[in-house]
Amino acid sequence: MPDPLAGLPPRLLRTPEAARFLGISIRTLEKHRTYGTGPTYRKIGGRVVYAVEDLQAWTASGARKSTTDKDAGRVFPARPLTPAERGER
Protein backbone atom coordinates (compact mmCIF):
# COMPACT_ATOMS: atom_id res chain seq x y z
CA MET A 1 0.00 0.00 0.00
CA PRO A 2 1.47 3.41 -0.92
CA ASP A 3 2.34 5.87 1.83
CA PRO A 4 -0.51 8.42 2.06
CA LEU A 5 1.97 11.10 3.24
CA ALA A 6 4.38 10.60 0.33
CA GLY A 7 5.02 13.82 -1.52
CA LEU A 8 3.69 16.01 1.28
CA PRO A 9 5.99 18.51 3.00
CA PRO A 10 7.40 17.49 6.40
CA ARG A 11 5.14 17.97 9.38
CA LEU A 12 6.35 21.00 11.30
CA LEU A 13 5.85 21.37 15.04
CA ARG A 14 6.18 24.50 17.13
CA THR A 15 8.32 24.41 20.27
CA PRO A 16 5.58 23.28 22.71
CA GLU A 17 4.48 20.46 20.38
CA ALA A 18 8.09 19.43 19.70
CA ALA A 19 8.90 19.36 23.41
CA ARG A 20 5.86 17.19 24.08
CA PHE A 21 6.86 14.89 21.18
CA LEU A 22 10.33 14.49 22.74
CA GLY A 23 9.05 14.16 26.30
CA ILE A 24 11.07 17.12 27.58
CA SER A 25 10.10 20.54 28.88
CA ILE A 26 9.70 23.53 26.60
CA ARG A 27 12.47 25.32 28.51
CA THR A 28 14.87 22.40 28.02
CA LEU A 29 14.21 22.40 24.28
CA GLU A 30 14.78 26.18 24.20
CA LYS A 31 18.09 25.70 26.04
CA HIS A 32 19.13 23.02 23.54
CA ARG A 33 18.41 25.49 20.75
CA THR A 34 20.44 28.23 22.47
CA TYR A 35 23.46 26.00 23.11
CA GLY A 36 23.35 24.23 19.74
CA THR A 37 22.93 20.81 21.34
CA GLY A 38 19.38 20.13 20.18
CA PRO A 39 17.61 19.02 17.05
CA THR A 40 17.73 20.98 13.81
CA TYR A 41 15.09 23.70 13.68
CA ARG A 42 13.82 26.21 11.18
CA LYS A 43 12.82 29.85 11.51
CA ILE A 44 9.83 30.83 9.44
CA GLY A 45 9.20 34.50 9.95
CA GLY A 46 9.51 34.84 13.71
CA ARG A 47 8.42 31.27 14.42
CA VAL A 48 10.67 28.40 15.38
CA VAL A 49 9.50 25.07 13.99
CA TYR A 50 10.86 21.54 14.01
CA ALA A 51 10.34 18.86 11.37
CA VAL A 52 9.23 15.56 12.90
CA GLU A 53 11.97 13.81 10.91
CA ASP A 54 14.62 16.05 12.53
CA LEU A 55 13.28 15.30 16.01
CA GLN A 56 13.37 11.58 15.31
CA ALA A 57 16.91 11.81 13.90
CA TRP A 58 18.13 13.73 16.95
CA THR A 59 16.75 11.15 19.36
CA ALA A 60 18.08 8.30 17.21
CA SER A 61 21.59 9.73 17.55
CA GLY A 62 21.57 8.60 21.19
CA ALA A 63 20.30 5.09 20.52
CA ARG A 64 22.25 2.34 22.27
CA LYS A 65 22.12 -1.43 22.62
CA SER A 66 23.94 -1.51 25.96
CA THR A 67 25.68 0.77 28.44
CA THR A 68 29.04 -0.31 26.99
CA ASP A 69 28.12 0.43 23.37
CA LYS A 70 31.25 2.21 22.08
CA ASP A 71 29.79 3.16 18.69
CA ALA A 72 26.72 4.90 20.07
CA GLY A 73 26.20 8.58 19.40
CA ARG A 74 25.44 11.04 22.13
CA VAL A 75 22.64 13.45 22.89
CA PHE A 76 24.29 16.18 24.94
CA PRO A 77 22.65 17.86 27.93
CA ALA A 78 21.13 21.31 27.50
CA ARG A 79 24.19 23.30 28.57
CA PRO A 80 27.22 24.88 26.90
CA LEU A 81 29.58 22.22 25.58
CA THR A 82 33.18 22.01 26.72
CA PRO A 83 35.89 22.16 24.04
CA ALA A 84 36.43 18.40 24.46
CA GLU A 85 32.73 17.72 23.85
CA ARG A 86 32.82 19.92 20.75
CA GLY A 87 35.79 17.90 19.47
CA GLU A 88 38.30 20.71 19.93
CA ARG A 89 41.73 20.31 21.48
PDB file of N, CA and C in Angstrom:
ATOM      1  N   MET A   1       0.842  -1.176   0.000  1.00  0.00           N
ATOM      2  CA  MET A   1       0.000   0.000   0.000  1.00  0.00           C
ATOM      3  C   MET A   1       0.890   1.243   0.000  1.00  0.00           C
ATOM      4  N   PRO A   2       0.641   2.205  -0.866  1.00  0.00           N
ATOM      5  CA  PRO A   2       1.469   3.405  -0.915  1.00  0.00           C
ATOM      6  C   PRO A   2       1.299   4.258   0.345  1.00  0.00           C
ATOM      7  N   ASP A   3       2.355   4.984   0.664  1.00  0.00           N
ATOM      8  CA  ASP A   3       2.337   5.867   1.829  1.00  0.00           C
ATOM      9  C   ASP A   3       1.444   7.065   1.525  1.00  0.00           C
ATOM     10  N   PRO A   4       0.390   7.306   2.344  1.00  0.00           N
ATOM     11  CA  PRO A   4      -0.515   8.423   2.064  1.00  0.00           C
ATOM     12  C   PRO A   4       0.151   9.788   2.270  1.00  0.00           C
ATOM     13  N   LEU A   5       1.289   9.830   2.989  1.00  0.00           N
ATOM     14  CA  LEU A   5       1.970  11.097   3.237  1.00  0.00           C
ATOM     15  C   LEU A   5       3.086  11.368   2.234  1.00  0.00           C
ATOM     16  N   ALA A   6       3.323  10.430   1.327  1.00  0.00           N
ATOM     17  CA  ALA A   6       4.385  10.600   0.332  1.00  0.00           C
ATOM     18  C   ALA A   6       4.119  11.833  -0.507  1.00  0.00           C
ATOM     19  N   GLY A   7       5.144  12.623  -0.698  1.00  0.00           N
ATOM     20  CA  GLY A   7       5.017  13.818  -1.516  1.00  0.00           C
ATOM     21  C   GLY A   7       4.549  15.045  -0.759  1.00  0.00           C
ATOM     22  N   LEU A   8       4.115  14.865   0.486  1.00  0.00           N
ATOM     23  CA  LEU A   8       3.694  16.012   1.281  1.00  0.00           C
ATOM     24  C   LEU A   8       4.902  16.615   1.981  1.00  0.00           C
ATOM     25  N   PRO A   9       4.866  17.905   2.280  1.00  0.00           N
ATOM     26  CA  PRO A   9       5.986  18.508   3.004  1.00  0.00           C
ATOM     27  C   PRO A   9       6.076  17.930   4.412  1.00  0.00           C
ATOM     28  N   PRO A  10       7.255  18.050   5.048  1.00  0.00           N
ATOM     29  CA  PRO A  10       7.398  17.486   6.397  1.00  0.00           C
ATOM     30  C   PRO A  10       6.469  18.173   7.374  1.00  0.00           C
ATOM     31  N   ARG A  11       6.006  17.415   8.338  1.00  0.00           N
ATOM     32  CA  ARG A  11       5.145  17.967   9.380  1.00  0.00           C
ATOM     33  C   ARG A  11       6.001  18.834  10.284  1.00  0.00           C
ATOM     34  N   LEU A  12       5.595  20.067  10.471  1.00  0.00           N
ATOM     35  CA  LEU A  12       6.352  21.002  11.297  1.00  0.00           C
ATOM     36  C   LEU A  12       5.627  21.236  12.619  1.00  0.00           C
ATOM     37  N   LEU A  13       6.394  21.182  13.708  1.00  0.00           N
ATOM     38  CA  LEU A  13       5.853  21.375  15.044  1.00  0.00           C
ATOM     39  C   LEU A  13       6.461  22.622  15.664  1.00  0.00           C
ATOM     40  N   ARG A  14       5.652  23.387  16.361  1.00  0.00           N
ATOM     41  CA  ARG A  14       6.183  24.504  17.131  1.00  0.00           C
ATOM     42  C   ARG A  14       6.843  23.962  18.392  1.00  0.00           C
ATOM     43  N   THR A  15       7.536  24.831  19.107  1.00  0.00           N
ATOM     44  CA  THR A  15       8.317  24.408  20.268  1.00  0.00           C
ATOM     45  C   THR A  15       7.506  23.625  21.292  1.00  0.00           C
ATOM     46  N   PRO A  16       6.318  24.071  21.715  1.00  0.00           N
ATOM     47  CA  PRO A  16       5.580  23.280  22.711  1.00  0.00           C
ATOM     48  C   PRO A  16       5.222  21.878  22.214  1.00  0.00           C
ATOM     49  N   GLU A  17       4.819  21.778  20.949  1.00  0.00           N
ATOM     50  CA  GLU A  17       4.479  20.464  20.384  1.00  0.00           C
ATOM     51  C   GLU A  17       5.720  19.589  20.274  1.00  0.00           C
ATOM     52  N   ALA A  18       6.842  20.182  19.843  1.00  0.00           N
ATOM     53  CA  ALA A  18       8.088  19.429  19.695  1.00  0.00           C
ATOM     54  C   ALA A  18       8.583  18.935  21.051  1.00  0.00           C
ATOM     55  N   ALA A  19       8.486  19.774  22.072  1.00  0.00           N
ATOM     56  CA  ALA A  19       8.903  19.359  23.415  1.00  0.00           C
ATOM     57  C   ALA A  19       8.049  18.201  23.907  1.00  0.00           C
ATOM     58  N   ARG A  20       6.761  18.278  23.676  1.00  0.00           N
ATOM     59  CA  ARG A  20       5.863  17.185  24.083  1.00  0.00           C
ATOM     60  C   ARG A  20       6.195  15.913  23.307  1.00  0.00           C
ATOM     61  N   PHE A  21       6.482  16.040  22.021  1.00  0.00           N
ATOM     62  CA  PHE A  21       6.860  14.892  21.184  1.00  0.00           C
ATOM     63  C   PHE A  21       8.109  14.209  21.751  1.00  0.00           C
ATOM     64  N   LEU A  22       9.078  15.014  22.207  1.00  0.00           N
ATOM     65  CA  LEU A  22      10.332  14.486  22.740  1.00  0.00           C
ATOM     66  C   LEU A  22      10.233  14.043  24.198  1.00  0.00           C
ATOM     67  N   GLY A  23       9.197  14.500  24.890  1.00  0.00           N
ATOM     68  CA  GLY A  23       9.049  14.164  26.302  1.00  0.00           C
ATOM     69  C   GLY A  23       9.943  14.994  27.204  1.00  0.00           C
ATOM     70  N   ILE A  24      10.271  16.212  26.772  1.00  0.00           N
ATOM     71  CA  ILE A  24      11.073  17.123  27.584  1.00  0.00           C
ATOM     72  C   ILE A  24      10.306  18.423  27.765  1.00  0.00           C
ATOM     73  N   SER A  25      10.791  19.275  28.652  1.00  0.00           N
ATOM     74  CA  SER A  25      10.098  20.537  28.876  1.00  0.00           C
ATOM     75  C   SER A  25      10.387  21.517  27.739  1.00  0.00           C
ATOM     76  N   ILE A  26       9.516  22.488  27.605  1.00  0.00           N
ATOM     77  CA  ILE A  26       9.700  23.530  26.595  1.00  0.00           C
ATOM     78  C   ILE A  26      11.001  24.269  26.872  1.00  0.00           C
ATOM     79  N   ARG A  27      11.253  24.583  28.133  1.00  0.00           N
ATOM     80  CA  ARG A  27      12.469  25.316  28.506  1.00  0.00           C
ATOM     81  C   ARG A  27      13.727  24.520  28.150  1.00  0.00           C
ATOM     82  N   THR A  28      13.710  23.220  28.370  1.00  0.00           N
ATOM     83  CA  THR A  28      14.871  22.401  28.015  1.00  0.00           C
ATOM     84  C   THR A  28      15.105  22.434  26.515  1.00  0.00           C
ATOM     85  N   LEU A  29      14.057  22.340  25.731  1.00  0.00           N
ATOM     86  CA  LEU A  29      14.211  22.404  24.278  1.00  0.00           C
ATOM     87  C   LEU A  29      14.745  23.775  23.850  1.00  0.00           C
ATOM     88  N   GLU A  30      14.268  24.843  24.500  1.00  0.00           N
ATOM     89  CA  GLU A  30      14.781  26.180  24.202  1.00  0.00           C
ATOM     90  C   GLU A  30      16.268  26.286  24.548  1.00  0.00           C
ATOM     91  N   LYS A  31      16.675  25.690  25.664  1.00  0.00           N
ATOM     92  CA  LYS A  31      18.095  25.695  26.040  1.00  0.00           C
ATOM     93  C   LYS A  31      18.923  24.927  25.018  1.00  0.00           C
ATOM     94  N   HIS A  32      18.429  23.785  24.577  1.00  0.00           N
ATOM     95  CA  HIS A  32      19.134  23.023  23.543  1.00  0.00           C
ATOM     96  C   HIS A  32      19.329  23.886  22.300  1.00  0.00           C
ATOM     97  N   ARG A  33      18.321  24.634  21.930  1.00  0.00           N
ATOM     98  CA  ARG A  33      18.414  25.487  20.745  1.00  0.00           C
ATOM     99  C   ARG A  33      19.458  26.577  20.965  1.00  0.00           C
ATOM    100  N   THR A  34      19.478  27.173  22.145  1.00  0.00           N
ATOM    101  CA  THR A  34      20.436  28.229  22.466  1.00  0.00           C
ATOM    102  C   THR A  34      21.869  27.722  22.438  1.00  0.00           C
ATOM    103  N   TYR A  35      22.105  26.540  23.002  1.00  0.00           N
ATOM    104  CA  TYR A  35      23.460  26.002  23.108  1.00  0.00           C
ATOM    105  C   TYR A  35      23.901  25.217  21.874  1.00  0.00           C
ATOM    106  N   GLY A  36      22.992  24.975  20.948  1.00  0.00           N
ATOM    107  CA  GLY A  36      23.349  24.235  19.744  1.00  0.00           C
ATOM    108  C   GLY A  36      23.462  22.739  19.966  1.00  0.00           C
ATOM    109  N   THR A  37      22.846  22.233  21.031  1.00  0.00           N
ATOM    110  CA  THR A  37      22.926  20.806  21.340  1.00  0.00           C
ATOM    111  C   THR A  37      21.658  20.056  20.966  1.00  0.00           C
ATOM    112  N   GLY A  38      20.676  20.749  20.449  1.00  0.00           N
ATOM    113  CA  GLY A  38      19.380  20.129  20.181  1.00  0.00           C
ATOM    114  C   GLY A  38      19.171  19.763  18.730  1.00  0.00           C
ATOM    115  N   PRO A  39      17.944  19.405  18.424  1.00  0.00           N
ATOM    116  CA  PRO A  39      17.608  19.025  17.054  1.00  0.00           C
ATOM    117  C   PRO A  39      17.641  20.230  16.112  1.00  0.00           C
ATOM    118  N   THR A  40      17.764  19.940  14.839  1.00  0.00           N
ATOM    119  CA  THR A  40      17.727  20.980  13.813  1.00  0.00           C
ATOM    120  C   THR A  40      16.357  21.653  13.852  1.00  0.00           C
ATOM    121  N   TYR A  41      16.356  22.960  13.711  1.00  0.00           N
ATOM    122  CA  TYR A  41      15.093  23.698  13.683  1.00  0.00           C
ATOM    123  C   TYR A  41      15.113  24.676  12.523  1.00  0.00           C
ATOM    124  N   ARG A  42      13.954  25.242  12.257  1.00  0.00           N
ATOM    125  CA  ARG A  42      13.824  26.214  11.176  1.00  0.00           C
ATOM    126  C   ARG A  42      13.160  27.465  11.732  1.00  0.00           C
ATOM    127  N   LYS A  43      13.512  28.603  11.161  1.00  0.00           N
ATOM    128  CA  LYS A  43      12.822  29.848  11.510  1.00  0.00           C
ATOM    129  C   LYS A  43      12.011  30.254  10.293  1.00  0.00           C
ATOM    130  N   ILE A  44      10.735  30.386  10.498  1.00  0.00           N
ATOM    131  CA  ILE A  44       9.835  30.827   9.442  1.00  0.00           C
ATOM    132  C   ILE A  44       9.192  32.105   9.951  1.00  0.00           C
ATOM    133  N   GLY A  45       9.597  33.217   9.382  1.00  0.00           N
ATOM    134  CA  GLY A  45       9.195  34.495   9.949  1.00  0.00           C
ATOM    135  C   GLY A  45       9.814  34.582  11.339  1.00  0.00           C
ATOM    136  N   GLY A  46       9.012  34.815  12.340  1.00  0.00           N
ATOM    137  CA  GLY A  46       9.507  34.844  13.712  1.00  0.00           C
ATOM    138  C   GLY A  46       9.280  33.539  14.452  1.00  0.00           C
ATOM    139  N   ARG A  47       8.755  32.546  13.765  1.00  0.00           N
ATOM    140  CA  ARG A  47       8.423  31.270  14.415  1.00  0.00           C
ATOM    141  C   ARG A  47       9.551  30.264  14.303  1.00  0.00           C
ATOM    142  N   VAL A  48       9.736  29.527  15.377  1.00  0.00           N
ATOM    143  CA  VAL A  48      10.671  28.401  15.376  1.00  0.00           C
ATOM    144  C   VAL A  48       9.836  27.143  15.204  1.00  0.00           C
ATOM    145  N   VAL A  49      10.212  26.324  14.233  1.00  0.00           N
ATOM    146  CA  VAL A  49       9.497  25.071  13.989  1.00  0.00           C
ATOM    147  C   VAL A  49      10.500  23.943  13.809  1.00  0.00           C
ATOM    148  N   TYR A  50      10.048  22.742  14.115  1.00  0.00           N
ATOM    149  CA  TYR A  50      10.858  21.536  14.015  1.00  0.00           C
ATOM    150  C   TYR A  50      10.151  20.543  13.109  1.00  0.00           C
ATOM    151  N   ALA A  51      10.895  19.934  12.192  1.00  0.00           N
ATOM    152  CA  ALA A  51      10.342  18.857  11.369  1.00  0.00           C
ATOM    153  C   ALA A  51      10.369  17.578  12.210  1.00  0.00           C
ATOM    154  N   VAL A  52       9.311  16.810  12.144  1.00  0.00           N
ATOM    155  CA  VAL A  52       9.232  15.561  12.899  1.00  0.00           C
ATOM    156  C   VAL A  52      10.430  14.670  12.574  1.00  0.00           C
ATOM    157  N   GLU A  53      10.834  14.631  11.314  1.00  0.00           N
ATOM    158  CA  GLU A  53      11.970  13.808  10.911  1.00  0.00           C
ATOM    159  C   GLU A  53      13.258  14.243  11.626  1.00  0.00           C
ATOM    160  N   ASP A  54      13.436  15.554  11.827  1.00  0.00           N
ATOM    161  CA  ASP A  54      14.622  16.051  12.532  1.00  0.00           C
ATOM    162  C   ASP A  54      14.588  15.671  14.009  1.00  0.00           C
ATOM    163  N   LEU A  55      13.414  15.705  14.606  1.00  0.00           N
ATOM    164  CA  LEU A  55      13.277  15.304  16.012  1.00  0.00           C
ATOM    165  C   LEU A  55      13.608  13.820  16.174  1.00  0.00           C
ATOM    166  N   GLN A  56      13.104  13.017  15.249  1.00  0.00           N
ATOM    167  CA  GLN A  56      13.373  11.581  15.309  1.00  0.00           C
ATOM    168  C   GLN A  56      14.855  11.295  15.087  1.00  0.00           C
ATOM    169  N   ALA A  57      15.480  12.008  14.173  1.00  0.00           N
ATOM    170  CA  ALA A  57      16.909  11.805  13.903  1.00  0.00           C
ATOM    171  C   ALA A  57      17.750  12.199  15.110  1.00  0.00           C
ATOM    172  N   TRP A  58      17.377  13.280  15.779  1.00  0.00           N
ATOM    173  CA  TRP A  58      18.126  13.734  16.953  1.00  0.00           C
ATOM    174  C   TRP A  58      18.049  12.694  18.071  1.00  0.00           C
ATOM    175  N   THR A  59      16.870  12.158  18.312  1.00  0.00           N
ATOM    176  CA  THR A  59      16.754  11.146  19.362  1.00  0.00           C
ATOM    177  C   THR A  59      17.447   9.857  18.954  1.00  0.00           C
ATOM    178  N   ALA A  60      17.421   9.526  17.673  1.00  0.00           N
ATOM    179  CA  ALA A  60      18.082   8.303  17.209  1.00  0.00           C
ATOM    180  C   ALA A  60      19.594   8.379  17.372  1.00  0.00           C
ATOM    181  N   SER A  61      20.137   9.601  17.398  1.00  0.00           N
ATOM    182  CA  SER A  61      21.588   9.734  17.547  1.00  0.00           C
ATOM    183  C   SER A  61      22.072   9.228  18.905  1.00  0.00           C
ATOM    184  N   GLY A  62      21.183   9.117  19.876  1.00  0.00           N
ATOM    185  CA  GLY A  62      21.566   8.602  21.190  1.00  0.00           C
ATOM    186  C   GLY A  62      21.168   7.160  21.422  1.00  0.00           C
ATOM    187  N   ALA A  63      20.743   6.477  20.377  1.00  0.00           N
ATOM    188  CA  ALA A  63      20.297   5.087  20.522  1.00  0.00           C
ATOM    189  C   ALA A  63      21.476   4.186  20.892  1.00  0.00           C
ATOM    190  N   ARG A  64      21.224   3.264  21.795  1.00  0.00           N
ATOM    191  CA  ARG A  64      22.252   2.336  22.271  1.00  0.00           C
ATOM    192  C   ARG A  64      21.656   0.951  22.426  1.00  0.00           C
ATOM    193  N   LYS A  65      22.542  -0.044  22.367  1.00  0.00           N
ATOM    194  CA  LYS A  65      22.125  -1.426  22.622  1.00  0.00           C
ATOM    195  C   LYS A  65      22.501  -1.848  24.030  1.00  0.00           C
ATOM    196  N   SER A  66      23.526  -1.209  24.591  1.00  0.00           N
ATOM    197  CA  SER A  66      23.938  -1.507  25.962  1.00  0.00           C
ATOM    198  C   SER A  66      24.684  -0.305  26.522  1.00  0.00           C
ATOM    199  N   THR A  67      24.962  -0.332  27.817  1.00  0.00           N
ATOM    200  CA  THR A  67      25.684   0.772  28.443  1.00  0.00           C
ATOM    201  C   THR A  67      27.141   0.818  28.011  1.00  0.00           C
ATOM    202  N   THR A  68      27.644  -0.263  27.436  1.00  0.00           N
ATOM    203  CA  THR A  68      29.038  -0.310  26.988  1.00  0.00           C
ATOM    204  C   THR A  68      29.176  -0.129  25.477  1.00  0.00           C
ATOM    205  N   ASP A  69      28.116   0.252  24.818  1.00  0.00           N
ATOM    206  CA  ASP A  69      28.115   0.435  23.366  1.00  0.00           C
ATOM    207  C   ASP A  69      29.068   1.571  22.989  1.00  0.00           C
ATOM    208  N   LYS A  70      30.218   1.234  22.421  1.00  0.00           N
ATOM    209  CA  LYS A  70      31.254   2.213  22.080  1.00  0.00           C
ATOM    210  C   LYS A  70      30.911   3.029  20.835  1.00  0.00           C
ATOM    211  N   ASP A  71      30.093   2.483  19.945  1.00  0.00           N
ATOM    212  CA  ASP A  71      29.788   3.156  18.689  1.00  0.00           C
ATOM    213  C   ASP A  71      28.548   4.046  18.765  1.00  0.00           C
ATOM    214  N   ALA A  72      27.946   4.118  19.933  1.00  0.00           N
ATOM    215  CA  ALA A  72      26.716   4.899  20.070  1.00  0.00           C
ATOM    216  C   ALA A  72      27.024   6.394  19.990  1.00  0.00           C
ATOM    217  N   GLY A  73      26.090   7.129  19.424  1.00  0.00           N
ATOM    218  CA  GLY A  73      26.201   8.579  19.403  1.00  0.00           C
ATOM    219  C   GLY A  73      25.855   9.134  20.773  1.00  0.00           C
ATOM    220  N   ARG A  74      25.733  10.435  20.840  1.00  0.00           N
ATOM    221  CA  ARG A  74      25.445  11.039  22.129  1.00  0.00           C
ATOM    222  C   ARG A  74      24.496  12.204  21.944  1.00  0.00           C
ATOM    223  N   VAL A  75      23.503  12.281  22.804  1.00  0.00           N
ATOM    224  CA  VAL A  75      22.638  13.447  22.887  1.00  0.00           C
ATOM    225  C   VAL A  75      23.140  14.212  24.101  1.00  0.00           C
ATOM    226  N   PHE A  76      23.692  15.398  23.868  1.00  0.00           N
ATOM    227  CA  PHE A  76      24.287  16.175  24.942  1.00  0.00           C
ATOM    228  C   PHE A  76      23.224  16.829  25.816  1.00  0.00           C
ATOM    229  N   PRO A  77      23.588  17.137  27.062  1.00  0.00           N
ATOM    230  CA  PRO A  77      22.652  17.860  27.928  1.00  0.00           C
ATOM    231  C   PRO A  77      22.477  19.293  27.437  1.00  0.00           C
ATOM    232  N   ALA A  78      21.432  19.940  27.909  1.00  0.00           N
ATOM    233  CA  ALA A  78      21.129  21.311  27.500  1.00  0.00           C
ATOM    234  C   ALA A  78      21.983  22.278  28.313  1.00  0.00           C
ATOM    235  N   ARG A  79      23.243  22.383  27.937  1.00  0.00           N
ATOM    236  CA  ARG A  79      24.190  23.300  28.575  1.00  0.00           C
ATOM    237  C   ARG A  79      25.298  23.589  27.571  1.00  0.00           C
ATOM    238  N   PRO A  80      26.103  24.634  27.816  1.00  0.00           N
ATOM    239  CA  PRO A  80      27.218  24.883  26.896  1.00  0.00           C
ATOM    240  C   PRO A  80      28.172  23.694  26.881  1.00  0.00           C
ATOM    241  N   LEU A  81      28.657  23.349  25.714  1.00  0.00           N
ATOM    242  CA  LEU A  81      29.578  22.224  25.580  1.00  0.00           C
ATOM    243  C   LEU A  81      31.007  22.659  25.900  1.00  0.00           C
ATOM    244  N   THR A  82      31.761  21.761  26.487  1.00  0.00           N
ATOM    245  CA  THR A  82      33.179  22.007  26.722  1.00  0.00           C
ATOM    246  C   THR A  82      33.918  21.834  25.398  1.00  0.00           C
ATOM    247  N   PRO A  83      35.137  22.362  25.281  1.00  0.00           N
ATOM    248  CA  PRO A  83      35.895  22.161  24.043  1.00  0.00           C
ATOM    249  C   PRO A  83      36.070  20.679  23.707  1.00  0.00           C
ATOM    250  N   ALA A  84      36.275  19.843  24.711  1.00  0.00           N
ATOM    251  CA  ALA A  84      36.434  18.404  24.459  1.00  0.00           C
ATOM    252  C   ALA A  84      35.160  17.804  23.874  1.00  0.00           C
ATOM    253  N   GLU A  85      33.997  18.228  24.368  1.00  0.00           N
ATOM    254  CA  GLU A  85      32.728  17.722  23.849  1.00  0.00           C
ATOM    255  C   GLU A  85      32.484  18.194  22.423  1.00  0.00           C
ATOM    256  N   ARG A  86      32.975  19.389  22.101  1.00  0.00           N
ATOM    257  CA  ARG A  86      32.816  19.917  20.746  1.00  0.00           C
ATOM    258  C   ARG A  86      33.819  19.302  19.782  1.00  0.00           C
ATOM    259  N   GLY A  87      34.789  18.538  20.309  1.00  0.00           N
ATOM    260  CA  GLY A  87      35.792  17.902  19.468  1.00  0.00           C
ATOM    261  C   GLY A  87      37.004  18.772  19.243  1.00  0.00           C
ATOM    262  N   GLU A  88      37.148  19.818  20.056  1.00  0.00           N
ATOM    263  CA  GLU A  88      38.303  20.707  19.932  1.00  0.00           C
ATOM    264  C   GLU A  88      39.412  20.217  20.863  1.00  0.00           C
ATOM    265  N   ARG A  89      40.600  20.669  20.607  1.00  0.00           N
ATOM    266  CA  ARG A  89      41.734  20.315  21.485  1.00  0.00           C
ATOM    267  C   ARG A  89      42.120  21.466  22.344  1.00  0.00           C
TER     268      ARG A  89
END
